[in-house]
Amino acid sequence: MSARQLQYRIVDVFTDRMFGGNPLAVFLDARGLADTEMQSLAKEMNLSESTFIFPADDPANDFKVRIFTPGRELPMAGHPTIGTSFVLAREGLAPRDREELILRLEEKVGVIPVRMQFENGAPKMIWMTQPLPTFSEPILDPTLAAEMLNLDERDVDAELPIQIVSCGVPYPIIPVRSLSAMRRLQFRTDVARRELAQFGPTEALVFTREVENPGSSVHSRMFAPEFGILEDPATGSAAGPLGAYLVKHQVISANPTALILNEQGIEMGRPSFLHVRITTAGTEITEVQVGGAAVFVGAGEISLPA
């Protein structure tokens, strides 16, 4: 039997230049692939995520997308959604001759609307709408958070709560006081397993209100060793929860919309810029959107046994 030839594309997401942002592998036609094969392919690519495109189950939607880290499948993710949408437009699988395009992508969490803005026929800015946020009660005190980050307790910002926020994927969010602490922290997986497992997710998003780049609103790092990702350079599924957290706790005001620029990946040498738009009605958050740019890196083919 002849081998199956799988075409894939590599893009960098949440950046406007190659070798920044978060790399992504996108398999253009995943029909016929088993779950185990997709997981093996994601492990082979060894990027934080790989995506697999299928025809939509519901004809009212455009495509179905499945997302895998090297360790497991995700119900939804930000840079894979935006990067896959970029590839669909670039490959001509979605129309690219309009100034704006709306896609409806089926993911495990549900249908994710994506809006693309075009310039000279190519995607320029891509926005995804995420599920509305849910907030846990505070889960850790500063002492335990500091132990998890291998920091002094004074480095943790005790003025803000440590809690889990989800816009489709739950993330414990930990505030620290300074860029210096962000650079010094060392995420301890053993402590995360010990302290976070009772709440569910054992990854963590750490942020500070100090920033490196003019125009940024917040500086963050995200650690997910249980997903096979020691540190992620750009995490769209965490940027929405972070934006919602900042608005809920009045770190950033929304009247009625807050525009937030989250810088991430700088410590990894892959600077990433994630745009977050939080819309409110009174004290309620009514919409969460995460956006960014993407750039094409390369293409390839993998042969699988038939």
C-alpha atoms as a PDB file:
ATOM      1  CA  MET A   1       0.000   0.000   0.000  1.00  0.00           C
ATOM      2  CA  SER A   2       1.173   3.519  -0.710  1.00  0.00           C
ATOM      3  CA  ALA A   3       1.793   5.942   2.114  1.00  0.00           C
ATOM      4  CA  ARG A   4      -0.655   8.723   2.958  1.00  0.00           C
ATOM      5  CA  GLN A   5       0.789  12.153   2.187  1.00  0.00           C
ATOM      6  CA  LEU A   6      -0.164  14.849   4.712  1.00  0.00           C
ATOM      7  CA  GLN A   7       0.469  18.478   3.791  1.00  0.00           C
ATOM      8  CA  TYR A   8       1.170  20.921   6.592  1.00  0.00           C
ATOM      9  CA  ARG A   9       2.059  24.579   6.988  1.00  0.00           C
ATOM     10  CA  ILE A  10       4.134  26.290   9.684  1.00  0.00           C
ATOM     11  CA  VAL A  11       3.157  29.785  10.827  1.00  0.00           C
ATOM     12  CA  ASP A  12       4.245  32.083  13.656  1.00  0.00           C
ATOM     13  CA  VAL A  13       1.298  33.595  15.523  1.00  0.00           C
ATOM     14  CA  PHE A  14       0.923  36.794  17.568  1.00  0.00           C
ATOM     15  CA  THR A  15       3.779  38.414  15.715  1.00  0.00           C
ATOM     16  CA  ASP A  16       4.384  40.339  12.501  1.00  0.00           C
ATOM     17  CA  ARG A  17       7.819  38.798  11.853  1.00  0.00           C
ATOM     18  CA  MET A  18       9.268  35.323  11.458  1.00  0.00           C
ATOM     19  CA  PHE A  19      10.788  33.683  14.547  1.00  0.00           C
ATOM     20  CA  GLY A  20       8.674  35.747  16.919  1.00  0.00           C
ATOM     21  CA  GLY A  21       5.371  34.725  18.455  1.00  0.00           C
ATOM     22  CA  ASN A  22       4.276  31.123  18.833  1.00  0.00           C
ATOM     23  CA  PRO A  23       4.928  28.587  16.051  1.00  0.00           C
ATOM     24  CA  LEU A  24       2.093  26.354  14.868  1.00  0.00           C
ATOM     25  CA  ALA A  25       1.797  23.373  12.516  1.00  0.00           C
ATOM     26  CA  VAL A  26      -1.457  23.235  10.543  1.00  0.00           C
ATOM     27  CA  PHE A  27      -2.424  20.003   8.738  1.00  0.00           C
ATOM     28  CA  LEU A  28      -4.614  21.019   5.809  1.00  0.00           C
ATOM     29  CA  ASP A  29      -6.704  17.857   5.379  1.00  0.00           C
ATOM     30  CA  ALA A  30      -6.984  15.562   8.378  1.00  0.00           C
ATOM     31  CA  ARG A  31      -9.818  13.386   7.081  1.00  0.00           C
ATOM     32  CA  GLY A  32      -9.227   9.751   7.978  1.00  0.00           C
ATOM     33  CA  LEU A  33      -6.716  10.404  10.746  1.00  0.00           C
ATOM     34  CA  ALA A  34      -7.253   8.577  14.018  1.00  0.00           C
ATOM     35  CA  ASP A  35      -6.939  10.346  17.358  1.00  0.00           C
ATOM     36  CA  THR A  36      -3.750   8.424  18.096  1.00  0.00           C
ATOM     37  CA  GLU A  37      -2.259   9.489  14.772  1.00  0.00           C
ATOM     38  CA  MET A  38      -3.003  13.159  15.411  1.00  0.00           C
ATOM     39  CA  GLN A  39      -1.452  12.910  18.854  1.00  0.00           C
ATOM     40  CA  SER A  40       1.638  11.224  17.397  1.00  0.00           C
ATOM     41  CA  LEU A  41       1.932  13.890  14.697  1.00  0.00           C
ATOM     42  CA  ALA A  42       1.701  16.674  17.293  1.00  0.00           C
ATOM     43  CA  LYS A  43       4.416  14.981  19.317  1.00  0.00           C
ATOM     44  CA  GLU A  44       6.545  14.598  16.171  1.00  0.00           C
ATOM     45  CA  MET A  45       6.179  18.296  15.300  1.00  0.00           C
ATOM     46  CA  ASN A  46       7.109  19.116  18.929  1.00  0.00           C
ATOM     47  CA  LEU A  47       5.531  22.587  18.840  1.00  0.00           C
ATOM     48  CA  SER A  48       3.291  23.858  21.600  1.00  0.00           C
ATOM     49  CA  GLU A  49       0.305  22.977  19.382  1.00  0.00           C
ATOM     50  CA  SER A  50      -0.576  21.441  16.038  1.00  0.00           C
ATOM     51  CA  THR A  51      -3.996  21.706  14.401  1.00  0.00           C
ATOM     52  CA  PHE A  52      -5.913  19.393  12.091  1.00  0.00           C
ATOM     53  CA  ILE A  53      -8.556  20.703   9.681  1.00  0.00           C
ATOM     54  CA  PHE A  54     -11.733  18.735   8.906  1.00  0.00           C
ATOM     55  CA  PRO A  55     -14.972  19.560   7.098  1.00  0.00           C
ATOM     56  CA  ALA A  56     -17.503  21.044   9.509  1.00  0.00           C
ATOM     57  CA  ASP A  57     -20.032  18.698  11.094  1.00  0.00           C
ATOM     58  CA  ASP A  58     -22.730  21.378  10.795  1.00  0.00           C
ATOM     59  CA  PRO A  59     -23.125  22.973   7.342  1.00  0.00           C
ATOM     60  CA  ALA A  60     -23.830  26.292   9.081  1.00  0.00           C
ATOM     61  CA  ASN A  61     -20.153  26.340  10.094  1.00  0.00           C
ATOM     62  CA  ASP A  62     -17.027  26.525   7.957  1.00  0.00           C
ATOM     63  CA  PHE A  63     -14.506  23.992   9.298  1.00  0.00           C
ATOM     64  CA  LYS A  64     -13.845  21.721  12.244  1.00  0.00           C
ATOM     65  CA  VAL A  65     -10.462  22.156  13.929  1.00  0.00           C
ATOM     66  CA  ARG A  66      -8.861  19.792  16.419  1.00  0.00           C
ATOM     67  CA  ILE A  67      -5.948  21.016  18.508  1.00  0.00           C
ATOM     68  CA  PHE A  68      -3.195  18.889  20.046  1.00  0.00           C
ATOM     69  CA  THR A  69      -0.210  19.710  22.214  1.00  0.00           C
ATOM     70  CA  PRO A  70       2.628  17.158  22.327  1.00  0.00           C
ATOM     71  CA  GLY A  71       0.871  15.695  25.374  1.00  0.00           C
ATOM     72  CA  ARG A  72      -2.891  15.937  24.850  1.00  0.00           C
ATOM     73  CA  GLU A  73      -5.828  17.363  22.933  1.00  0.00           C
ATOM     74  CA  LEU A  74      -7.186  20.793  23.908  1.00  0.00           C
ATOM     75  CA  PRO A  75     -10.846  21.865  23.809  1.00  0.00           C
ATOM     76  CA  MET A  76      -9.894  25.322  22.489  1.00  0.00           C
ATOM     77  CA  ALA A  77      -6.754  27.404  22.088  1.00  0.00           C
ATOM     78  CA  GLY A  78      -5.937  30.895  20.914  1.00  0.00           C
ATOM     79  CA  HIS A  79      -2.838  30.834  18.758  1.00  0.00           C
ATOM     80  CA  PRO A  80      -3.989  27.621  16.998  1.00  0.00           C
ATOM     81  CA  THR A  81      -7.356  29.205  16.177  1.00  0.00           C
ATOM     82  CA  ILE A  82      -5.808  32.386  14.820  1.00  0.00           C
ATOM     83  CA  GLY A  83      -2.975  30.581  13.023  1.00  0.00           C
ATOM     84  CA  THR A  84      -5.327  28.047  11.431  1.00  0.00           C
ATOM     85  CA  SER A  85      -7.610  30.854  10.226  1.00  0.00           C
ATOM     86  CA  PHE A  86      -4.584  32.584   8.698  1.00  0.00           C
ATOM     87  CA  VAL A  87      -3.639  29.387   6.844  1.00  0.00           C
ATOM     88  CA  LEU A  88      -7.206  28.832   5.604  1.00  0.00           C
ATOM     89  CA  ALA A  89      -7.213  32.311   4.088  1.00  0.00           C
ATOM     90  CA  ARG A  90      -3.671  32.121   2.719  1.00  0.00           C
ATOM     91  CA  GLU A  91      -4.277  28.746   1.058  1.00  0.00           C
ATOM     92  CA  GLY A  92      -7.493  29.956  -0.561  1.00  0.00           C
ATOM     93  CA  LEU A  93      -9.607  27.520   1.437  1.00  0.00           C
ATOM     94  CA  ALA A  94     -11.528  30.527   2.774  1.00  0.00           C
ATOM     95  CA  PRO A  95     -12.250  33.584   0.568  1.00  0.00           C
ATOM     96  CA  ARG A  96      -9.509  36.204   0.716  1.00  0.00           C
ATOM     97  CA  ASP A  97     -10.749  38.861  -1.698  1.00  0.00           C
ATOM     98  CA  ARG A  98     -12.794  40.808   0.840  1.00  0.00           C
ATOM     99  CA  GLU A  99     -11.719  43.406   3.373  1.00  0.00           C
ATOM    100  CA  GLU A 100     -13.242  41.321   6.159  1.00  0.00           C
ATOM    101  CA  LEU A 101     -14.127  37.660   6.548  1.00  0.00           C
ATOM    102  CA  ILE A 102     -16.105  35.883   9.269  1.00  0.00           C
ATOM    103  CA  LEU A 103     -15.380  32.199   9.915  1.00  0.00           C
ATOM    104  CA  ARG A 104     -17.183  29.790  12.226  1.00  0.00           C
ATOM    105  CA  LEU A 105     -14.799  27.101  13.461  1.00  0.00           C
ATOM    106  CA  GLU A 106     -16.002  24.028  15.328  1.00  0.00           C
ATOM    107  CA  GLU A 107     -13.721  23.231  18.268  1.00  0.00           C
ATOM    108  CA  LYS A 108     -14.231  20.890  21.197  1.00  0.00           C
ATOM    109  CA  VAL A 109     -15.534  23.755  23.334  1.00  0.00           C
ATOM    110  CA  GLY A 110     -18.104  24.766  20.689  1.00  0.00           C
ATOM    111  CA  VAL A 111     -18.246  27.121  17.722  1.00  0.00           C
ATOM    112  CA  ILE A 112     -15.576  29.851  17.753  1.00  0.00           C
ATOM    113  CA  PRO A 113     -16.292  32.905  15.565  1.00  0.00           C
ATOM    114  CA  VAL A 114     -13.230  34.401  13.878  1.00  0.00           C
ATOM    115  CA  ARG A 115     -13.076  37.772  12.115  1.00  0.00           C
ATOM    116  CA  MET A 116     -10.223  38.517   9.710  1.00  0.00           C
ATOM    117  CA  GLN A 117      -9.272  41.928   8.406  1.00  0.00           C
ATOM    118  CA  PHE A 118      -7.441  41.952   5.059  1.00  0.00           C
ATOM    119  CA  GLU A 119      -4.897  44.209   3.436  1.00  0.00           C
ATOM    120  CA  ASN A 120      -3.952  43.699  -0.229  1.00  0.00           C
ATOM    121  CA  GLY A 121      -5.827  40.401  -0.229  1.00  0.00           C
ATOM    122  CA  ALA A 122      -3.935  38.905   2.734  1.00  0.00           C
ATOM    123  CA  PRO A 123      -4.975  38.554   6.397  1.00  0.00           C
ATOM    124  CA  LYS A 124      -3.668  41.422   8.508  1.00  0.00           C
ATOM    125  CA  MET A 125      -5.454  41.165  11.874  1.00  0.00           C
ATOM    126  CA  ILE A 126      -7.371  38.132  13.094  1.00  0.00           C
ATOM    127  CA  TRP A 127      -9.812  38.226  16.024  1.00  0.00           C
ATOM    128  CA  MET A 128     -11.418  35.257  17.781  1.00  0.00           C
ATOM    129  CA  THR A 129     -14.385  35.479  20.149  1.00  0.00           C
ATOM    130  CA  GLN A 130     -13.974  33.331  23.247  1.00  0.00           C
ATOM    131  CA  PRO A 131     -16.620  31.985  25.648  1.00  0.00           C
ATOM    132  CA  LEU A 132     -17.581  34.328  28.468  1.00  0.00           C
ATOM    133  CA  PRO A 133     -15.346  34.041  31.531  1.00  0.00           C
ATOM    134  CA  THR A 134     -15.935  32.097  34.703  1.00  0.00           C
ATOM    135  CA  PHE A 135     -14.056  32.922  37.916  1.00  0.00           C
ATOM    136  CA  SER A 136     -13.197  30.638  40.820  1.00  0.00           C
ATOM    137  CA  GLU A 137     -12.826  31.685  44.409  1.00  0.00           C
ATOM    138  CA  PRO A 138      -9.209  32.523  45.415  1.00  0.00           C
ATOM    139  CA  ILE A 139      -7.226  29.284  45.453  1.00  0.00           C
ATOM    140  CA  LEU A 140      -3.772  30.010  46.901  1.00  0.00           C
ATOM    141  CA  ASP A 141      -2.164  32.384  49.365  1.00  0.00           C
ATOM    142  CA  PRO A 142       0.977  34.358  48.408  1.00  0.00           C
ATOM    143  CA  THR A 143       3.239  32.001  50.369  1.00  0.00           C
ATOM    144  CA  LEU A 144       2.269  28.957  48.318  1.00  0.00           C
ATOM    145  CA  ALA A 145       2.332  30.931  45.071  1.00  0.00           C
ATOM    146  CA  ALA A 146       5.835  32.167  45.859  1.00  0.00           C
ATOM    147  CA  GLU A 147       6.975  28.595  46.541  1.00  0.00           C
ATOM    148  CA  MET A 148       5.535  27.500  43.186  1.00  0.00           C
ATOM    149  CA  LEU A 149       7.440  30.263  41.404  1.00  0.00           C
ATOM    150  CA  ASN A 150      10.610  29.925  43.495  1.00  0.00           C
ATOM    151  CA  LEU A 151      10.274  33.590  44.526  1.00  0.00           C
ATOM    152  CA  ASP A 152      10.142  35.514  47.771  1.00  0.00           C
ATOM    153  CA  GLU A 153       6.630  35.998  49.117  1.00  0.00           C
ATOM    154  CA  ARG A 154       7.112  39.764  48.755  1.00  0.00           C
ATOM    155  CA  ASP A 155       7.378  39.273  44.966  1.00  0.00           C
ATOM    156  CA  VAL A 156       3.764  38.102  44.787  1.00  0.00           C
ATOM    157  CA  ASP A 157       1.212  40.905  44.477  1.00  0.00           C
ATOM    158  CA  ALA A 158      -1.017  40.293  47.492  1.00  0.00           C
ATOM    159  CA  GLU A 159      -3.372  43.113  46.452  1.00  0.00           C
ATOM    160  CA  LEU A 160      -4.890  40.859  43.790  1.00  0.00           C
ATOM    161  CA  PRO A 161      -6.356  37.349  44.167  1.00  0.00           C
ATOM    162  CA  ILE A 162      -4.872  34.142  42.839  1.00  0.00           C
ATOM    163  CA  GLN A 163      -7.786  32.449  41.104  1.00  0.00           C
ATOM    164  CA  ILE A 164      -8.749  30.267  38.161  1.00  0.00           C
ATOM    165  CA  VAL A 165     -10.335  32.049  35.193  1.00  0.00           C
ATOM    166  CA  SER A 166     -11.659  30.247  32.132  1.00  0.00           C
ATOM    167  CA  CYS A 167     -12.809  31.404  28.706  1.00  0.00           C
ATOM    168  CA  GLY A 168     -12.995  27.822  27.499  1.00  0.00           C
ATOM    169  CA  VAL A 169      -9.742  26.610  29.094  1.00  0.00           C
ATOM    170  CA  PRO A 170      -9.130  27.196  32.838  1.00  0.00           C
ATOM    171  CA  TYR A 171      -5.948  28.946  33.967  1.00  0.00           C
ATOM    172  CA  PRO A 172      -4.758  29.761  37.485  1.00  0.00           C
ATOM    173  CA  ILE A 173      -3.670  33.411  37.328  1.00  0.00           C
ATOM    174  CA  ILE A 174      -0.883  34.626  39.623  1.00  0.00           C
ATOM    175  CA  PRO A 175       0.034  38.341  39.922  1.00  0.00           C
ATOM    176  CA  VAL A 176       3.609  39.354  40.731  1.00  0.00           C
ATOM    177  CA  ARG A 177       4.925  42.818  41.433  1.00  0.00           C
ATOM    178  CA  SER A 178       7.754  43.412  38.979  1.00  0.00           C
ATOM    179  CA  LEU A 179       9.543  42.547  35.779  1.00  0.00           C
ATOM    180  CA  SER A 180      12.516  41.610  37.915  1.00  0.00           C
ATOM    181  CA  ALA A 181      10.438  38.893  39.591  1.00  0.00           C
ATOM    182  CA  MET A 182       9.156  37.710  36.193  1.00  0.00           C
ATOM    183  CA  ARG A 183      12.724  37.265  34.983  1.00  0.00           C
ATOM    184  CA  ARG A 184      13.851  35.477  38.160  1.00  0.00           C
ATOM    185  CA  LEU A 185      10.939  33.092  38.638  1.00  0.00           C
ATOM    186  CA  GLN A 186      11.421  29.349  38.139  1.00  0.00           C
ATOM    187  CA  PHE A 187       8.193  27.413  37.809  1.00  0.00           C
ATOM    188  CA  ARG A 188       8.180  24.355  40.064  1.00  0.00           C
ATOM    189  CA  THR A 189       6.118  21.580  38.557  1.00  0.00           C
ATOM    190  CA  ASP A 190       6.240  19.547  41.781  1.00  0.00           C
ATOM    191  CA  VAL A 191       4.614  22.349  43.773  1.00  0.00           C
ATOM    192  CA  ALA A 192       2.074  23.003  41.011  1.00  0.00           C
ATOM    193  CA  ARG A 193       1.014  19.353  41.065  1.00  0.00           C
ATOM    194  CA  ARG A 194       0.809  19.363  44.844  1.00  0.00           C
ATOM    195  CA  GLU A 195      -1.151  22.605  45.217  1.00  0.00           C
ATOM    196  CA  LEU A 196      -3.172  22.943  42.001  1.00  0.00           C
ATOM    197  CA  ALA A 197      -4.257  19.383  41.207  1.00  0.00           C
ATOM    198  CA  GLN A 198      -7.145  19.624  43.673  1.00  0.00           C
ATOM    199  CA  PHE A 199      -8.560  22.494  41.596  1.00  0.00           C
ATOM    200  CA  GLY A 200      -8.038  20.828  38.195  1.00  0.00           C
ATOM    201  CA  PRO A 201      -5.500  22.656  36.010  1.00  0.00           C
ATOM    202  CA  THR A 202      -1.841  22.407  36.997  1.00  0.00           C
ATOM    203  CA  GLU A 203      -0.587  25.066  34.574  1.00  0.00           C
ATOM    204  CA  ALA A 204      -0.327  28.724  35.548  1.00  0.00           C
ATOM    205  CA  LEU A 205      -0.347  32.164  33.949  1.00  0.00           C
ATOM    206  CA  VAL A 206       1.888  34.649  35.765  1.00  0.00           C
ATOM    207  CA  PHE A 207       1.704  38.382  35.074  1.00  0.00           C
ATOM    208  CA  THR A 208       2.934  41.778  36.181  1.00  0.00           C
ATOM    209  CA  ARG A 209       1.680  45.259  35.457  1.00  0.00           C
ATOM    210  CA  GLU A 210       5.245  46.347  34.685  1.00  0.00           C
ATOM    211  CA  VAL A 211       6.003  46.080  30.960  1.00  0.00           C
ATOM    212  CA  GLU A 212       9.022  46.137  28.663  1.00  0.00           C
ATOM    213  CA  ASN A 213       7.482  47.596  25.501  1.00  0.00           C
ATOM    214  CA  PRO A 214       5.804  51.015  25.216  1.00  0.00           C
ATOM    215  CA  GLY A 215       2.128  50.493  24.525  1.00  0.00           C
ATOM    216  CA  SER A 216       1.858  47.166  26.322  1.00  0.00           C
ATOM    217  CA  SER A 217      -0.654  46.878  29.154  1.00  0.00           C
ATOM    218  CA  VAL A 218       0.635  43.757  30.905  1.00  0.00           C
ATOM    219  CA  HIS A 219       3.577  41.326  30.799  1.00  0.00           C
ATOM    220  CA  SER A 220       2.954  37.596  31.183  1.00  0.00           C
ATOM    221  CA  ARG A 221       4.458  34.114  31.162  1.00  0.00           C
ATOM    222  CA  MET A 222       2.558  30.811  30.930  1.00  0.00           C
ATOM    223  CA  PHE A 223       3.711  27.389  32.122  1.00  0.00           C
ATOM    224  CA  ALA A 224       1.986  24.110  31.186  1.00  0.00           C
ATOM    225  CA  PRO A 225       4.345  21.167  31.732  1.00  0.00           C
ATOM    226  CA  GLU A 226       1.429  18.711  31.970  1.00  0.00           C
ATOM    227  CA  PHE A 227       0.562  19.625  28.361  1.00  0.00           C
ATOM    228  CA  GLY A 228       4.147  18.892  27.315  1.00  0.00           C
ATOM    229  CA  ILE A 229       4.887  22.656  27.265  1.00  0.00           C
ATOM    230  CA  LEU A 230       7.351  23.839  29.895  1.00  0.00           C
ATOM    231  CA  GLU A 231       6.724  27.462  28.849  1.00  0.00           C
ATOM    232  CA  ASP A 232       4.524  28.837  26.073  1.00  0.00           C
ATOM    233  CA  PRO A 233       5.592  31.963  24.138  1.00  0.00           C
ATOM    234  CA  ALA A 234       2.035  33.137  23.351  1.00  0.00           C
ATOM    235  CA  THR A 235      -1.189  31.758  24.817  1.00  0.00           C
ATOM    236  CA  GLY A 236      -4.378  33.138  23.291  1.00  0.00           C
ATOM    237  CA  SER A 237      -6.644  30.936  25.408  1.00  0.00           C
ATOM    238  CA  ALA A 238      -5.035  32.471  28.519  1.00  0.00           C
ATOM    239  CA  ALA A 239      -5.018  36.048  27.184  1.00  0.00           C
ATOM    240  CA  GLY A 240      -8.818  36.215  27.259  1.00  0.00           C
ATOM    241  CA  PRO A 241      -9.008  35.079  30.895  1.00  0.00           C
ATOM    242  CA  LEU A 242      -6.191  37.479  31.813  1.00  0.00           C
ATOM    243  CA  GLY A 243      -8.021  40.394  30.188  1.00  0.00           C
ATOM    244  CA  ALA A 244     -11.235  39.439  31.972  1.00  0.00           C
ATOM    245  CA  TYR A 245      -9.344  39.202  35.282  1.00  0.00           C
ATOM    246  CA  LEU A 246      -7.811  42.663  34.817  1.00  0.00           C
ATOM    247  CA  VAL A 247     -11.204  44.194  34.093  1.00  0.00           C
ATOM    248  CA  LYS A 248     -13.054  42.344  36.850  1.00  0.00           C
ATOM    249  CA  HIS A 249     -10.539  43.493  39.463  1.00  0.00           C
ATOM    250  CA  GLN A 250     -10.456  47.055  38.053  1.00  0.00           C
ATOM    251  CA  VAL A 251      -6.786  46.939  37.142  1.00  0.00           C
ATOM    252  CA  ILE A 252      -7.897  48.169  33.711  1.00  0.00           C
ATOM    253  CA  SER A 253     -11.165  50.023  33.209  1.00  0.00           C
ATOM    254  CA  ALA A 254     -13.731  49.215  30.515  1.00  0.00           C
ATOM    255  CA  ASN A 255     -16.059  52.043  29.483  1.00  0.00           C
ATOM    256  CA  PRO A 256     -17.617  49.945  28.018  1.00  0.00           C
ATOM    257  CA  THR A 257     -14.632  48.309  26.241  1.00  0.00           C
ATOM    258  CA  ALA A 258     -11.081  47.716  27.437  1.00  0.00           C
ATOM    259  CA  LEU A 259      -8.292  47.315  24.875  1.00  0.00           C
ATOM    260  CA  ILE A 260      -5.378  45.410  26.390  1.00  0.00           C
ATOM    261  CA  LEU A 261      -2.013  44.528  24.854  1.00  0.00           C
ATOM    262  CA  ASN A 262      -0.396  41.530  26.524  1.00  0.00           C
ATOM    263  CA  GLU A 263       3.328  40.982  25.891  1.00  0.00           C
ATOM    264  CA  GLN A 264       4.506  37.394  26.338  1.00  0.00           C
ATOM    265  CA  GLY A 265       7.400  35.160  25.292  1.00  0.00           C
ATOM    266  CA  ILE A 266      10.069  37.800  25.849  1.00  0.00           C
ATOM    267  CA  GLU A 267      12.043  35.685  28.319  1.00  0.00           C
ATOM    268  CA  MET A 268      12.042  32.894  25.690  1.00  0.00           C
ATOM    269  CA  GLY A 269      13.403  35.129  22.935  1.00  0.00           C
ATOM    270  CA  ARG A 270      10.089  34.931  21.047  1.00  0.00           C
ATOM    271  CA  PRO A 271       8.362  38.262  21.710  1.00  0.00           C
ATOM    272  CA  SER A 272       4.626  37.981  21.222  1.00  0.00           C
ATOM    273  CA  PHE A 273       1.862  40.579  21.320  1.00  0.00           C
ATOM    274  CA  LEU A 274      -1.680  39.490  22.067  1.00  0.00           C
ATOM    275  CA  HIS A 275      -4.504  41.990  21.673  1.00  0.00           C
ATOM    276  CA  VAL A 276      -7.440  41.550  24.049  1.00  0.00           C
ATOM    277  CA  ARG A 277     -10.782  43.315  23.835  1.00  0.00           C
ATOM    278  CA  ILE A 278     -13.112  43.041  26.846  1.00  0.00           C
ATOM    279  CA  THR A 279     -16.606  44.516  26.468  1.00  0.00           C
ATOM    280  CA  THR A 280     -18.849  45.154  29.452  1.00  0.00           C
ATOM    281  CA  ALA A 281     -22.393  46.173  30.326  1.00  0.00           C
ATOM    282  CA  GLY A 282     -22.333  47.638  33.807  1.00  0.00           C
ATOM    283  CA  THR A 283     -20.351  45.194  35.921  1.00  0.00           C
ATOM    284  CA  GLU A 284     -20.931  42.243  33.578  1.00  0.00           C
ATOM    285  CA  ILE A 285     -18.437  41.115  30.938  1.00  0.00           C
ATOM    286  CA  THR A 286     -20.400  40.592  27.728  1.00  0.00           C
ATOM    287  CA  GLU A 287     -17.701  39.745  25.184  1.00  0.00           C
ATOM    288  CA  VAL A 288     -14.108  38.500  25.169  1.00  0.00           C
ATOM    289  CA  GLN A 289     -12.040  38.781  22.005  1.00  0.00           C
ATOM    290  CA  VAL A 290      -8.381  37.945  21.412  1.00  0.00           C
ATOM    291  CA  GLY A 291      -6.544  39.028  18.281  1.00  0.00           C
ATOM    292  CA  GLY A 292      -3.191  39.162  16.600  1.00  0.00           C
ATOM    293  CA  ALA A 293      -1.195  38.851  13.426  1.00  0.00           C
ATOM    294  CA  ALA A 294       0.485  35.804  11.899  1.00  0.00           C
ATOM    295  CA  VAL A 295       3.258  35.169   9.372  1.00  0.00           C
ATOM    296  CA  PHE A 296       3.951  32.242   7.047  1.00  0.00           C
ATOM    297  CA  VAL A 297       7.144  30.302   7.827  1.00  0.00           C
ATOM    298  CA  GLY A 298       7.157  27.209   5.644  1.00  0.00           C
ATOM    299  CA  ALA A 299       5.439  24.113   4.266  1.00  0.00           C
ATOM    300  CA  GLY A 300       6.063  20.392   4.392  1.00  0.00           C
ATOM    301  CA  GLU A 301       4.756  16.885   3.918  1.00  0.00           C
ATOM    302  CA  ILE A 302       4.632  13.873   6.196  1.00  0.00           C
ATOM    303  CA  SER A 303       4.174  10.314   4.942  1.00  0.00           C
ATOM    304  CA  LEU A 304       2.061   7.979   7.068  1.00  0.00           C
ATOM    305  CA  PRO A 305       1.628   4.268   6.431  1.00  0.00           C
ATOM    306  CA  ALA A 306      -1.610   3.590   4.549  1.00  0.00           C
END
